C-alpha atoms as a PDB file:
ATOM      1  CA  MET A   1      96.230  30.061 205.297  1.00  0.00           C
ATOM      2  CA  ARG A   2      94.654  32.501 202.863  1.00  0.00           C
ATOM      3  CA  ILE A   3      95.823  36.121 203.097  1.00  0.00           C
ATOM      4  CA  CYS A   4      94.626  39.182 201.286  1.00  0.00           C
ATOM      5  CA  VAL A   5      96.958  42.145 201.013  1.00  0.00           C
ATOM      6  CA  LEU A   6      95.348  45.467 200.148  1.00  0.00           C
ATOM      7  CA  ARG A   7      97.801  48.135 199.028  1.00  0.00           C
ATOM      8  CA  LEU A   8      96.833  50.025 195.891  1.00  0.00           C
ATOM      9  CA  SER A   9      99.569  52.614 195.491  1.00  0.00           C
ATOM     10  CA  ALA A  10     102.024  54.212 195.172  1.00  0.00           C
ATOM     11  CA  ILE A  11     104.762  52.240 193.381  1.00  0.00           C
ATOM     12  CA  GLY A  12     107.427  52.909 195.984  1.00  0.00           C
ATOM     13  CA  ASP A  13     105.082  51.945 198.807  1.00  0.00           C
ATOM     14  CA  CYS A  14     104.016  48.785 197.082  1.00  0.00           C
ATOM     15  CA  ILE A  15     107.658  47.805 196.595  1.00  0.00           C
ATOM     16  CA  ASN A  16     108.177  48.339 200.321  1.00  0.00           C
ATOM     17  CA  ALA A  17     104.999  46.399 201.147  1.00  0.00           C
ATOM     18  CA  ALA A  18     106.305  43.473 199.075  1.00  0.00           C
ATOM     19  CA  SER A  19     108.712  42.688 201.878  1.00  0.00           C
ATOM     20  CA  VAL A  20     105.703  41.602 203.997  1.00  0.00           C
ATOM     21  CA  VAL A  21     104.841  38.933 201.388  1.00  0.00           C
ATOM     22  CA  TRP A  22     108.244  37.255 201.692  1.00  0.00           C
ATOM     23  CA  ALA A  23     108.236  37.523 205.463  1.00  0.00           C
ATOM     24  CA  ILE A  24     104.938  35.662 205.562  1.00  0.00           C
ATOM     25  CA  GLN A  25     106.021  33.021 202.977  1.00  0.00           C
ATOM     26  CA  LYS A  26     109.289  32.462 204.783  1.00  0.00           C
ATOM     27  CA  GLN A  27     107.417  31.333 207.909  1.00  0.00           C
ATOM     28  CA  ASN A  28     104.412  29.805 206.181  1.00  0.00           C
ATOM     29  CA  PRO A  29     105.376  28.467 202.656  1.00  0.00           C
ATOM     30  CA  GLN A  30     101.850  27.160 202.163  1.00  0.00           C
ATOM     31  CA  ALA A  31     100.224  30.542 202.567  1.00  0.00           C
ATOM     32  CA  ARG A  32      98.145  31.612 199.522  1.00  0.00           C
ATOM     33  CA  ILE A  33      98.465  35.339 199.050  1.00  0.00           C
ATOM     34  CA  THR A  34      96.133  37.570 197.013  1.00  0.00           C
ATOM     35  CA  TRP A  35      97.119  41.223 196.546  1.00  0.00           C
ATOM     36  CA  ILE A  36      94.534  43.884 195.659  1.00  0.00           C
ATOM     37  CA  ILE A  37      96.574  46.464 193.858  1.00  0.00           C
ATOM     38  CA  GLY A  38      96.311  49.544 191.579  1.00  0.00           C
ATOM     39  CA  PRO A  39      97.073  49.405 187.802  1.00  0.00           C
ATOM     40  CA  ALA A  40     100.508  51.139 187.899  1.00  0.00           C
ATOM     41  CA  ALA A  41     101.854  49.000 190.780  1.00  0.00           C
ATOM     42  CA  TYR A  42     100.431  45.926 189.073  1.00  0.00           C
ATOM     43  CA  ALA A  43     102.455  46.687 185.967  1.00  0.00           C
ATOM     44  CA  MET A  44     105.538  46.872 188.159  1.00  0.00           C
ATOM     45  CA  LEU A  45     105.082  43.728 190.232  1.00  0.00           C
ATOM     46  CA  LYS A  46     103.056  41.208 188.244  1.00  0.00           C
ATOM     47  CA  ASP A  47     105.969  39.436 186.632  1.00  0.00           C
ATOM     48  CA  LEU A  48     108.460  40.046 189.485  1.00  0.00           C
ATOM     49  CA  MET A  49     106.296  38.200 192.063  1.00  0.00           C
ATOM     50  CA  PRO A  50     104.900  35.115 190.157  1.00  0.00           C
ATOM     51  CA  GLU A  51     103.922  33.378 193.394  1.00  0.00           C
ATOM     52  CA  VAL A  52     101.295  36.073 194.247  1.00  0.00           C
ATOM     53  CA  GLU A  53      97.818  36.360 192.797  1.00  0.00           C
ATOM     54  CA  PHE A  54      97.099  39.972 191.876  1.00  0.00           C
ATOM     55  CA  ILE A  55      93.669  41.599 191.453  1.00  0.00           C
ATOM     56  CA  ILE A  56      93.537  45.112 189.982  1.00  0.00           C
ATOM     57  CA  TYR A  57      91.358  47.708 191.648  1.00  0.00           C
ATOM     58  CA  ARG A  58      91.098  50.968 189.767  1.00  0.00           C
ATOM     59  CA  LYS A  59      89.330  53.317 192.212  1.00  0.00           C
ATOM     60  CA  SER A  60      87.292  54.714 189.349  1.00  0.00           C
ATOM     61  CA  GLY A  61      83.999  55.088 191.118  1.00  0.00           C
ATOM     62  CA  ILE A  62      80.764  53.256 192.180  1.00  0.00           C
ATOM     63  CA  SER A  63      80.708  50.981 189.078  1.00  0.00           C
ATOM     64  CA  GLU A  64      84.230  49.712 189.859  1.00  0.00           C
ATOM     65  CA  LEU A  65      83.302  49.158 193.502  1.00  0.00           C
ATOM     66  CA  LYS A  66      80.253  47.104 192.471  1.00  0.00           C
ATOM     67  CA  GLU A  67      82.317  45.038 190.064  1.00  0.00           C
ATOM     68  CA  PHE A  68      84.907  44.456 192.768  1.00  0.00           C
ATOM     69  CA  ARG A  69      82.268  43.334 195.195  1.00  0.00           C
ATOM     70  CA  HIS A  70      80.920  40.800 192.692  1.00  0.00           C
ATOM     71  CA  LEU A  71      84.505  39.556 192.058  1.00  0.00           C
ATOM     72  CA  MET A  72      85.113  39.038 195.774  1.00  0.00           C
ATOM     73  CA  LYS A  73      81.700  37.751 196.877  1.00  0.00           C
ATOM     74  CA  ASP A  74      82.702  34.005 196.908  1.00  0.00           C
ATOM     75  CA  ARG A  75      86.198  34.508 198.382  1.00  0.00           C
ATOM     76  CA  THR A  76      87.086  34.333 202.035  1.00  0.00           C
ATOM     77  CA  PHE A  77      90.412  34.935 203.778  1.00  0.00           C
ATOM     78  CA  ASP A  78      91.903  34.263 207.147  1.00  0.00           C
ATOM     79  CA  TYR A  79      93.569  37.685 207.181  1.00  0.00           C
ATOM     80  CA  LEU A  80      93.121  40.963 205.403  1.00  0.00           C
ATOM     81  CA  LEU A  81      96.153  43.221 205.654  1.00  0.00           C
ATOM     82  CA  LEU A  82      94.719  46.747 205.010  1.00  0.00           C
ATOM     83  CA  MET A  83      98.088  48.360 204.338  1.00  0.00           C
ATOM     84  CA  GLN A  84      96.709  51.698 203.111  1.00  0.00           C
ATOM     85  CA  TYR A  85      94.705  54.216 205.089  1.00  0.00           C
ATOM     86  CA  ALA A  86      93.134  56.044 202.198  1.00  0.00           C
ATOM     87  CA  LEU A  87      89.371  55.980 202.105  1.00  0.00           C
ATOM     88  CA  SER A  88      89.333  54.371 198.655  1.00  0.00           C
ATOM     89  CA  ALA A  89      91.250  51.440 199.987  1.00  0.00           C
ATOM     90  CA  SER A  90      89.066  51.158 203.064  1.00  0.00           C
ATOM     91  CA  LEU A  91      85.917  51.047 200.966  1.00  0.00           C
ATOM     92  CA  ALA A  92      87.421  48.244 198.915  1.00  0.00           C
ATOM     93  CA  SER A  93      88.266  46.347 202.094  1.00  0.00           C
ATOM     94  CA  PHE A  94      84.609  46.524 203.048  1.00  0.00           C
ATOM     95  CA  MET A  95      83.916  44.106 200.140  1.00  0.00           C
ATOM     96  CA  ILE A  96      86.440  41.536 201.378  1.00  0.00           C
ATOM     97  CA  LYS A  97      85.469  38.752 203.724  1.00  0.00           C
ATOM     98  CA  ALA A  98      88.111  37.961 206.291  1.00  0.00           C
ATOM     99  CA  ASP A  99      88.145  36.698 209.860  1.00  0.00           C
ATOM    100  CA  VAL A 100      90.826  39.190 210.941  1.00  0.00           C
ATOM    101  CA  LYS A 101      91.211  42.602 209.349  1.00  0.00           C
ATOM    102  CA  ILE A 102      94.490  44.221 210.347  1.00  0.00           C
ATOM    103  CA  GLY A 103      95.211  47.917 210.021  1.00  0.00           C
ATOM    104  CA  PHE A 104      97.580  50.628 211.216  1.00  0.00           C
ATOM    105  CA  ASP A 105      98.024  51.759 214.850  1.00  0.00           C
ATOM    106  CA  PRO A 106      96.351  55.022 215.921  1.00  0.00           C
ATOM    107  CA  GLU A 107      99.357  57.232 215.102  1.00  0.00           C
ATOM    108  CA  ARG A 108      99.387  56.121 211.450  1.00  0.00           C
ATOM    109  CA  SER A 109      95.620  55.962 210.951  1.00  0.00           C
ATOM    110  CA  ARG A 110      93.499  58.565 209.165  1.00  0.00           C
ATOM    111  CA  GLU A 111      90.387  58.871 206.938  1.00  0.00           C
ATOM    112  CA  PHE A 112      88.211  56.624 209.157  1.00  0.00           C
ATOM    113  CA  HIS A 113      90.746  53.713 208.782  1.00  0.00           C
ATOM    114  CA  SER A 114      89.896  52.277 212.150  1.00  0.00           C
ATOM    115  CA  LEU A 115      86.262  51.694 211.165  1.00  0.00           C
ATOM    116  CA  PHE A 116      87.279  49.018 208.688  1.00  0.00           C
ATOM    117  CA  ILE A 117      89.613  46.876 210.856  1.00  0.00           C
ATOM    118  CA  ASN A 118      89.356  44.669 213.958  1.00  0.00           C
ATOM    119  CA  ARG A 119      93.095  44.396 214.821  1.00  0.00           C
ATOM    120  CA  ARG A 120      95.940  46.883 214.749  1.00  0.00           C
ATOM    121  CA  ILE A 121      99.648  46.632 214.224  1.00  0.00           C
ATOM    122  CA  PRO A 122     101.739  47.271 217.364  1.00  0.00           C
ATOM    123  CA  SER A 123     102.323  50.903 218.214  1.00  0.00           C
ATOM    124  CA  GLY A 124     105.836  52.324 218.340  1.00  0.00           C
ATOM    125  CA  GLY A 125     108.767  50.650 216.630  1.00  0.00           C
ATOM    126  CA  GLY A 126     110.794  52.323 213.936  1.00  0.00           C
ATOM    127  CA  ARG A 127     109.819  55.519 212.146  1.00  0.00           C
ATOM    128  CA  HIS A 128     110.234  54.060 208.665  1.00  0.00           C
ATOM    129  CA  MET A 129     107.270  52.958 206.599  1.00  0.00           C
ATOM    130  CA  VAL A 130     108.801  49.528 206.122  1.00  0.00           C
ATOM    131  CA  ASP A 131     108.840  49.150 209.914  1.00  0.00           C
ATOM    132  CA  ALA A 132     105.128  49.919 209.923  1.00  0.00           C
ATOM    133  CA  PHE A 133     104.452  47.342 207.168  1.00  0.00           C
ATOM    134  CA  MET A 134     106.407  44.660 209.050  1.00  0.00           C
ATOM    135  CA  GLY A 135     104.022  45.347 211.974  1.00  0.00           C
ATOM    136  CA  PHE A 136     101.418  43.497 209.937  1.00  0.00           C
ATOM    137  CA  VAL A 137     103.536  40.408 210.181  1.00  0.00           C
ATOM    138  CA  ALA A 138     103.704  40.781 213.997  1.00  0.00           C
ATOM    139  CA  ALA A 139      99.938  41.334 214.167  1.00  0.00           C
ATOM    140  CA  MET A 140      99.458  37.948 212.444  1.00  0.00           C
ATOM    141  CA  ASP A 141     101.268  36.410 215.417  1.00  0.00           C
ATOM    142  CA  LEU A 142     104.274  35.540 213.225  1.00  0.00           C
ATOM    143  CA  ARG A 143     107.850  36.178 214.295  1.00  0.00           C
ATOM    144  CA  PRO A 144     109.274  39.584 213.456  1.00  0.00           C
ATOM    145  CA  ALA A 145     111.501  39.327 210.405  1.00  0.00           C
ATOM    146  CA  ALA A 146     114.224  41.476 208.836  1.00  0.00           C
ATOM    147  CA  PRO A 147     112.672  42.957 205.673  1.00  0.00           C
ATOM    148  CA  GLU A 148     114.069  41.580 202.416  1.00  0.00           C
ATOM    149  CA  TRP A 149     113.152  41.664 198.756  1.00  0.00           C
ATOM    150  CA  ASP A 150     113.421  38.685 196.366  1.00  0.00           C
ATOM    151  CA  PHE A 151     112.002  39.775 193.008  1.00  0.00           C
ATOM    152  CA  PHE A 152     112.188  37.414 190.072  1.00  0.00           C
ATOM    153  CA  PHE A 153     114.203  38.825 187.159  1.00  0.00           C
ATOM    154  CA  SER A 154     113.806  36.800 183.992  1.00  0.00           C
ATOM    155  CA  PRO A 155     116.833  36.469 181.667  1.00  0.00           C
ATOM    156  CA  ASN A 156     114.848  38.329 178.971  1.00  0.00           C
ATOM    157  CA  LEU A 157     114.226  41.228 181.342  1.00  0.00           C
ATOM    158  CA  MET A 158     117.907  41.520 182.284  1.00  0.00           C
ATOM    159  CA  ASP A 159     119.002  41.170 178.650  1.00  0.00           C
ATOM    160  CA  ARG A 160     116.644  43.980 177.686  1.00  0.00           C
ATOM    161  CA  ALA A 161     118.013  46.214 180.489  1.00  0.00           C
ATOM    162  CA  SER A 162     121.600  45.479 179.275  1.00  0.00           C
ATOM    163  CA  GLU A 163     120.568  46.577 175.771  1.00  0.00           C
ATOM    164  CA  PHE A 164     119.118  49.844 177.101  1.00  0.00           C
ATOM    165  CA  LEU A 165     122.317  50.676 179.031  1.00  0.00           C
ATOM    166  CA  GLY A 166     124.635  49.556 176.180  1.00  0.00           C
ATOM    167  CA  VAL A 167     128.416  49.216 176.398  1.00  0.00           C
ATOM    168  CA  SER A 168     130.017  52.057 178.290  1.00  0.00           C
ATOM    169  CA  SER A 169     133.566  53.287 178.426  1.00  0.00           C
ATOM    170  CA  TYR A 170     132.868  55.037 181.719  1.00  0.00           C
ATOM    171  CA  ALA A 171     134.108  53.586 185.058  1.00  0.00           C
ATOM    172  CA  HIS A 172     130.588  53.694 186.496  1.00  0.00           C
ATOM    173  CA  ARG A 173     126.971  54.297 185.546  1.00  0.00           C
ATOM    174  CA  VAL A 174     124.555  56.183 187.721  1.00  0.00           C
ATOM    175  CA  VAL A 175     120.730  56.210 187.238  1.00  0.00           C
ATOM    176  CA  ILE A 176     119.213  59.641 187.855  1.00  0.00           C
ATOM    177  CA  SER A 177     115.561  60.048 188.783  1.00  0.00           C
ATOM    178  CA  PRO A 178     114.794  63.735 189.337  1.00  0.00           C
ATOM    179  CA  CYS A 179     111.000  64.049 188.905  1.00  0.00           C
ATOM    180  CA  THR A 180     108.299  63.059 191.331  1.00  0.00           C
ATOM    181  CA  SER A 181     104.557  63.261 191.497  1.00  0.00           C
ATOM    182  CA  LYS A 182     104.716  66.507 193.434  1.00  0.00           C
ATOM    183  CA  ARG A 183     106.590  69.553 192.106  1.00  0.00           C
ATOM    184  CA  SER A 184     107.769  70.495 195.677  1.00  0.00           C
ATOM    185  CA  LYS A 185     109.811  67.231 195.804  1.00  0.00           C
ATOM    186  CA  ASP A 186     111.391  67.511 192.311  1.00  0.00           C
ATOM    187  CA  TRP A 187     115.117  67.930 192.026  1.00  0.00           C
ATOM    188  CA  PRO A 188     115.736  71.494 190.602  1.00  0.00           C
ATOM    189  CA  VAL A 189     116.964  71.120 186.999  1.00  0.00           C
ATOM    190  CA  GLY A 190     119.929  73.491 187.530  1.00  0.00           C
ATOM    191  CA  SER A 191     121.217  71.443 190.443  1.00  0.00           C
ATOM    192  CA  CYS A 192     120.772  68.206 188.457  1.00  0.00           C
ATOM    193  CA  ILE A 193     122.709  69.591 185.510  1.00  0.00           C
ATOM    194  CA  GLU A 194     125.674  70.685 187.702  1.00  0.00           C
ATOM    195  CA  THR A 195     125.703  67.263 189.396  1.00  0.00           C
ATOM    196  CA  ALA A 196     125.691  65.524 185.947  1.00  0.00           C
ATOM    197  CA  LYS A 197     128.645  67.661 184.941  1.00  0.00           C
ATOM    198  CA  TYR A 198     130.507  66.607 188.024  1.00  0.00           C
ATOM    199  CA  LEU A 199     129.661  62.964 187.508  1.00  0.00           C
ATOM    200  CA  VAL A 200     131.060  63.051 183.946  1.00  0.00           C
ATOM    201  CA  SER A 201     134.270  64.666 185.293  1.00  0.00           C
ATOM    202  CA  LYS A 202     134.601  61.674 187.678  1.00  0.00           C
ATOM    203  CA  ASN A 203     134.193  59.217 184.721  1.00  0.00           C
ATOM    204  CA  VAL A 204     130.667  58.366 185.717  1.00  0.00           C
ATOM    205  CA  ARG A 205     127.928  58.257 182.996  1.00  0.00           C
ATOM    206  CA  PRO A 206     124.519  59.715 183.989  1.00  0.00           C
ATOM    207  CA  VAL A 207     121.543  57.615 182.915  1.00  0.00           C
ATOM    208  CA  LEU A 208     118.255  59.590 183.090  1.00  0.00           C
ATOM    209  CA  ILE A 209     115.012  57.776 183.796  1.00  0.00           C
ATOM    210  CA  GLY A 210     111.408  58.902 183.867  1.00  0.00           C
ATOM    211  CA  GLY A 211     107.979  58.681 182.301  1.00  0.00           C
ATOM    212  CA  SER A 212     106.413  60.500 179.416  1.00  0.00           C
ATOM    213  CA  THR A 213     104.936  63.577 181.089  1.00  0.00           C
ATOM    214  CA  GLN A 214     105.585  66.955 179.617  1.00  0.00           C
ATOM    215  CA  GLU A 215     107.607  67.972 182.711  1.00  0.00           C
ATOM    216  CA  GLU A 216     109.875  64.913 182.389  1.00  0.00           C
ATOM    217  CA  LYS A 217     110.419  65.556 178.721  1.00  0.00           C
ATOM    218  CA  LEU A 218     111.385  69.167 179.386  1.00  0.00           C
ATOM    219  CA  PHE A 219     113.740  68.024 182.044  1.00  0.00           C
ATOM    220  CA  GLU A 220     115.248  65.549 179.613  1.00  0.00           C
ATOM    221  CA  GLN A 221     115.752  68.207 177.017  1.00  0.00           C
ATOM    222  CA  ALA A 222     117.392  70.633 179.468  1.00  0.00           C
ATOM    223  CA  LEU A 223     119.826  68.025 180.854  1.00  0.00           C
ATOM    224  CA  THR A 224     120.893  66.383 177.609  1.00  0.00           C
ATOM    225  CA  SER A 225     121.401  69.736 175.822  1.00  0.00           C
ATOM    226  CA  VAL A 226     123.963  70.822 178.495  1.00  0.00           C
ATOM    227  CA  VAL A 227     125.327  67.406 179.374  1.00  0.00           C
ATOM    228  CA  PRO A 228     125.158  65.415 176.093  1.00  0.00           C
ATOM    229  CA  GLU A 229     127.089  62.514 177.691  1.00  0.00           C
ATOM    230  CA  THR A 230     123.777  61.723 179.524  1.00  0.00           C
ATOM    231  CA  LEU A 231     121.995  58.549 178.298  1.00  0.00           C
ATOM    232  CA  SER A 232     118.273  59.226 178.388  1.00  0.00           C
ATOM    233  CA  LEU A 233     115.840  56.378 178.946  1.00  0.00           C
ATOM    234  CA  VAL A 234     112.933  58.823 179.604  1.00  0.00           C
ATOM    235  CA  GLY A 235     109.689  57.297 178.295  1.00  0.00           C
ATOM    236  CA  ARG A 236     111.537  54.276 176.789  1.00  0.00           C
ATOM    237  CA  THR A 237     111.316  51.612 179.523  1.00  0.00           C
ATOM    238  CA  THR A 238     108.610  49.718 181.282  1.00  0.00           C
ATOM    239  CA  LEU A 239     108.594  49.846 185.077  1.00  0.00           C
ATOM    240  CA  PRO A 240     110.209  46.313 185.405  1.00  0.00           C
ATOM    241  CA  GLN A 241     112.797  47.269 182.760  1.00  0.00           C
ATOM    242  CA  CYS A 242     113.565  50.410 184.688  1.00  0.00           C
ATOM    243  CA  LEU A 243     114.008  48.336 187.921  1.00  0.00           C
ATOM    244  CA  ALA A 244     116.382  46.008 186.006  1.00  0.00           C
ATOM    245  CA  CYS A 245     118.405  48.973 184.774  1.00  0.00           C
ATOM    246  CA  ILE A 246     118.712  50.173 188.387  1.00  0.00           C
ATOM    247  CA  ARG A 247     119.826  46.694 189.356  1.00  0.00           C
ATOM    248  CA  LEU A 248     122.629  46.899 186.769  1.00  0.00           C
ATOM    249  CA  ALA A 249     123.664  50.420 187.682  1.00  0.00           C
ATOM    250  CA  ASP A 250     126.518  51.182 190.097  1.00  0.00           C
ATOM    251  CA  PHE A 251     124.384  53.645 192.044  1.00  0.00           C
ATOM    252  CA  VAL A 252     121.317  55.889 191.874  1.00  0.00           C
ATOM    253  CA  ILE A 253     120.679  59.574 192.584  1.00  0.00           C
ATOM    254  CA  SER A 254     116.991  60.254 193.108  1.00  0.00           C
ATOM    255  CA  ALA A 255     114.520  62.695 194.469  1.00  0.00           C
ATOM    256  CA  ASP A 256     112.005  61.387 197.020  1.00  0.00           C
ATOM    257  CA  THR A 257     110.300  58.976 194.542  1.00  0.00           C
ATOM    258  CA  ALA A 258     109.905  55.319 193.697  1.00  0.00           C
ATOM    259  CA  ALA A 259     113.446  54.971 192.322  1.00  0.00           C
ATOM    260  CA  VAL A 260     114.774  55.220 195.844  1.00  0.00           C
ATOM    261  CA  HIS A 261     112.799  52.154 196.945  1.00  0.00           C
ATOM    262  CA  MET A 262     113.531  50.345 193.711  1.00  0.00           C
ATOM    263  CA  ALA A 263     117.259  50.716 194.329  1.00  0.00           C
ATOM    264  CA  ASN A 264     116.855  49.667 197.951  1.00  0.00           C
ATOM    265  CA  ALA A 265     115.024  46.503 196.866  1.00  0.00           C
ATOM    266  CA  VAL A 266     117.733  45.339 194.455  1.00  0.00           C
ATOM    267  CA  GLY A 267     120.669  46.357 196.585  1.00  0.00           C
ATOM    268  CA  THR A 268     121.984  49.275 194.534  1.00  0.00           C
ATOM    269  CA  PRO A 269     123.381  52.162 196.566  1.00  0.00           C
ATOM    270  CA  VAL A 270     121.286  55.288 196.392  1.00  0.00           C
ATOM    271  CA  ILE A 271     121.770  58.987 197.057  1.00  0.00           C
ATOM    272  CA  GLY A 272     118.295  60.108 198.054  1.00  0.00           C
ATOM    273  CA  LEU A 273     117.526  63.816 198.094  1.00  0.00           C
ATOM    274  CA  TYR A 274     115.164  64.915 200.919  1.00  0.00           C
ATOM    275  CA  ALA A 275     113.744  68.277 201.888  1.00  0.00           C
ATOM    276  CA  THR A 276     110.007  68.009 202.449  1.00  0.00           C
ATOM    277  CA  HIS A 277     109.720  64.496 203.967  1.00  0.00           C
ATOM    278  CA  ASP A 278     111.773  62.708 206.620  1.00  0.00           C
ATOM    279  CA  PRO A 279     114.215  60.142 205.086  1.00  0.00           C
ATOM    280  CA  GLU A 280     113.986  58.257 208.381  1.00  0.00           C
ATOM    281  CA  ARG A 281     110.423  57.525 207.411  1.00  0.00           C
ATOM    282  CA  VAL A 282     110.530  57.304 203.567  1.00  0.00           C
ATOM    283  CA  GLY A 283     114.241  56.957 202.677  1.00  0.00           C
ATOM    284  CA  PRO A 284     115.940  53.765 201.382  1.00  0.00           C
ATOM    285  CA  TYR A 285     115.283  51.308 204.202  1.00  0.00           C
ATOM    286  CA  LEU A 286     118.439  49.236 204.186  1.00  0.00           C
ATOM    287  CA  ASP A 287     121.063  51.941 203.806  1.00  0.00           C
ATOM    288  CA  ARG A 288     120.643  55.737 204.324  1.00  0.00           C
ATOM    289  CA  ARG A 289     124.271  56.582 204.668  1.00  0.00           C
ATOM    290  CA  TYR A 290     124.350  58.349 201.283  1.00  0.00           C
ATOM    291  CA  CYS A 291     121.131  60.382 201.672  1.00  0.00           C
ATOM    292  CA  VAL A 292     121.287  64.173 201.465  1.00  0.00           C
ATOM    293  CA  SER A 293     118.720  65.675 203.789  1.00  0.00           C
ATOM    294  CA  VAL A 294     117.829  69.228 204.834  1.00  0.00           C
ATOM    295  CA  TYR A 295     114.516  68.002 206.285  1.00  0.00           C
ATOM    296  CA  ALA A 296     115.448  68.353 209.976  1.00  0.00           C
ATOM    297  CA  SER A 297     116.857  71.916 209.617  1.00  0.00           C
ATOM    298  CA  LEU A 298     113.764  72.999 207.605  1.00  0.00           C
ATOM    299  CA  VAL A 299     111.441  71.375 210.175  1.00  0.00           C
ATOM    300  CA  ARG A 300     113.117  73.298 212.944  1.00  0.00           C
ATOM    301  CA  ARG A 301     112.772  76.533 211.020  1.00  0.00           C
ATOM    302  CA  GLU A 302     109.085  75.986 210.175  1.00  0.00           C
ATOM    303  CA  TYR A 303     107.800  74.280 213.368  1.00  0.00           C
ATOM    304  CA  GLY A 304     110.438  75.159 215.985  1.00  0.00           C
ATOM    305  CA  LYS A 305     110.731  71.510 217.018  1.00  0.00           C
ATOM    306  CA  GLU A 306     112.783  68.420 216.320  1.00  0.00           C
ATOM    307  CA  PRO A 307     111.302  65.879 213.864  1.00  0.00           C
ATOM    308  CA  GLU A 308     110.929  63.321 216.645  1.00  0.00           C
ATOM    309  CA  GLU A 309     108.668  65.715 218.532  1.00  0.00           C
ATOM    310  CA  LEU A 310     106.204  66.097 215.635  1.00  0.00           C
ATOM    311  CA  PRO A 311     103.541  63.712 214.272  1.00  0.00           C
ATOM    312  CA  TRP A 312     104.834  60.800 212.181  1.00  0.00           C
ATOM    313  CA  ARG A 313     103.847  62.226 208.770  1.00  0.00           C
ATOM    314  CA  THR A 314     104.875  65.862 209.289  1.00  0.00           C
ATOM    315  CA  ARG A 315     106.122  67.476 206.091  1.00  0.00           C
ATOM    316  CA  VAL A 316     107.871  70.747 205.185  1.00  0.00           C
ATOM    317  CA  ARG A 317     105.443  73.032 203.320  1.00  0.00           C
ATOM    318  CA  ASP A 318     107.970  75.343 201.722  1.00  0.00           C
ATOM    319  CA  PRO A 319     107.488  74.895 197.935  1.00  0.00           C
ATOM    320  CA  LYS A 320     111.179  75.822 197.390  1.00  0.00           C
ATOM    321  CA  ALA A 321     112.501  73.378 200.043  1.00  0.00           C
ATOM    322  CA  MET A 322     114.509  71.309 197.551  1.00  0.00           C
ATOM    323  CA  SER A 323     116.520  74.378 196.628  1.00  0.00           C
ATOM    324  CA  SER A 324     118.099  74.161 200.075  1.00  0.00           C
ATOM    325  CA  ILE A 325     120.028  71.078 198.937  1.00  0.00           C
ATOM    326  CA  THR A 326     123.369  72.461 197.679  1.00  0.00           C
ATOM    327  CA  LEU A 327     125.699  70.996 195.032  1.00  0.00           C
ATOM    328  CA  ASP A 328     128.398  70.644 197.665  1.00  0.00           C
ATOM    329  CA  MET A 329     126.129  68.417 199.779  1.00  0.00           C
ATOM    330  CA  ILE A 330     125.574  66.093 196.773  1.00  0.00           C
ATOM    331  CA  VAL A 331     129.181  66.073 195.677  1.00  0.00           C
ATOM    332  CA  GLU A 332     130.199  65.050 199.233  1.00  0.00           C
ATOM    333  CA  LYS A 333     127.949  61.950 199.036  1.00  0.00           C
ATOM    334  CA  ILE A 334     129.053  61.105 195.441  1.00  0.00           C
ATOM    335  CA  ASP A 335     132.717  61.204 196.555  1.00  0.00           C
ATOM    336  CA  LEU A 336     131.980  59.020 199.567  1.00  0.00           C
ATOM    337  CA  LEU A 337     130.035  56.529 197.468  1.00  0.00           C
ATOM    338  CA  LEU A 338     132.714  56.332 194.746  1.00  0.00           C
ATOM    339  CA  HIS A 339     135.326  55.730 197.438  1.00  0.00           C
ATOM    340  CA  ASP A 340     133.264  52.902 198.871  1.00  0.00           C
ATOM    341  CA  LEU A 341     132.715  51.416 195.397  1.00  0.00           C
ATOM    342  CA  GLY A 342     136.481  51.597 194.785  1.00  0.00           C
ATOM    343  CA  GLU A 343     137.194  49.790 198.069  1.00  0.00           C
ATOM    344  CA  LYS A 344     134.567  47.128 197.270  1.00  0.00           C
ATOM    345  CA  GLU A 345     136.072  46.543 193.754  1.00  0.00           C
ATOM    346  CA  LYS A 346     139.557  46.343 195.339  1.00  0.00           C
ATOM    347  CA  LEU A 347     138.383  43.573 197.732  1.00  0.00           C
ATOM    348  CA  GLN A 348     136.625  41.716 194.901  1.00  0.00           C
ATOM    349  CA  ALA A 349     139.776  41.853 192.817  1.00  0.00           C
ATOM    350  CA  GLU A 350     141.821  40.516 195.700  1.00  0.00           C
ATOM    351  CA  GLU A 351     139.350  37.662 196.257  1.00  0.00           C
ATOM    352  CA  THR A 352     139.397  36.756 192.575  1.00  0.00           C
ATOM    353  CA  SER A 353     143.192  36.759 192.579  1.00  0.00           C
ATOM    354  CA  LYS A 354     143.268  34.407 195.606  1.00  0.00           C
ATOM    355  CA  ARG A 355     140.765  32.051 193.972  1.00  0.00           C
ATOM    356  CA  ARG A 356     142.784  31.915 190.812  1.00  0.00           C
ATOM    357  CA  ALA A 357     145.956  31.247 192.709  1.00  0.00           C
ATOM    358  CA  ALA A 358     144.271  28.400 194.625  1.00  0.00           C
ATOM    359  CA  GLN A 359     143.042  26.917 191.321  1.00  0.00           C
ATOM    360  CA  ARG A 360     146.502  27.029 189.881  1.00  0.00           C
ATOM    361  CA  GLU A 361     147.907  25.228 192.926  1.00  0.00           C
ATOM    362  CA  GLN A 362     145.313  22.474 192.551  1.00  0.00           C
ATOM    363  CA  GLU A 363     146.173  22.054 188.872  1.00  0.00           C
ATOM    364  CA  PHE A 364     149.808  21.424 189.829  1.00  0.00           C
END
């Protein structure tokens, strides 16, 4: 079976879409999967998913489309999974030969998406984007599967992440990701600073991540000048290195951005901060216990309805929505998470003690 996955961006969405690849391979190990992907997401996933063939599509215009058509002209697939409803992705799908072209159900379709497919994922199901992605597995007549992530982390990658984080005298390390692609979703710098102060008081070292934009550099300067205990990795790591650092961290605090889904994929607890978008749709899929959300209350204020009564992608339009998240809300989740980590460490210590006692008994 030959399968083409078409999801170009964004990084968090591509991480979530990766769960579909493993769901397919689990049921059909012989499946050959080609993923049409954007440059940024390719940089993230290319070495983490060595079993997948990646083809970069840059959306740069007519010349890129012609080049892509030439590249795909001799390829045929049994299935095309059109997992992005943007028109740029749909135009690329037009150049791909496949017997079955699967796309989103009517509620999740837009930008003429339905014109480029001949089969839809089932309607309904969960609100989360991962639930929608897993609908592509069902539309291939495969068994529904619980989403999982199984990225390949090379020893070199993990060693490099350990070097970035260094040796710490703190009880825990938390990765902080405050900046997003949209200013309205950014964590206000003042709130982040006060949270970092609280973390340090609880013997937790903040580790700031981000890219090299001017906004992220200014955020870095503001935070580290007030909370010098902060370790800044802003602009220093590649995307896979950042993911490896998140894997080694005790937990993550993040605005509504890729770091949430990165943490979810590697099993690191995450405090996601949500105001403009519904965490039930775009939050960490496996565990949303620690999320801080004012989305529902802001939706009621703006639309006069419950989130479930509104279209799937409804967002809060207030540009200052993130300011509605208070320090007390974040501190409450930090305390809960630290308590849970402490209980987990206690259980692990007890299990280690029991194993050692059993080994000693065997020696005698």
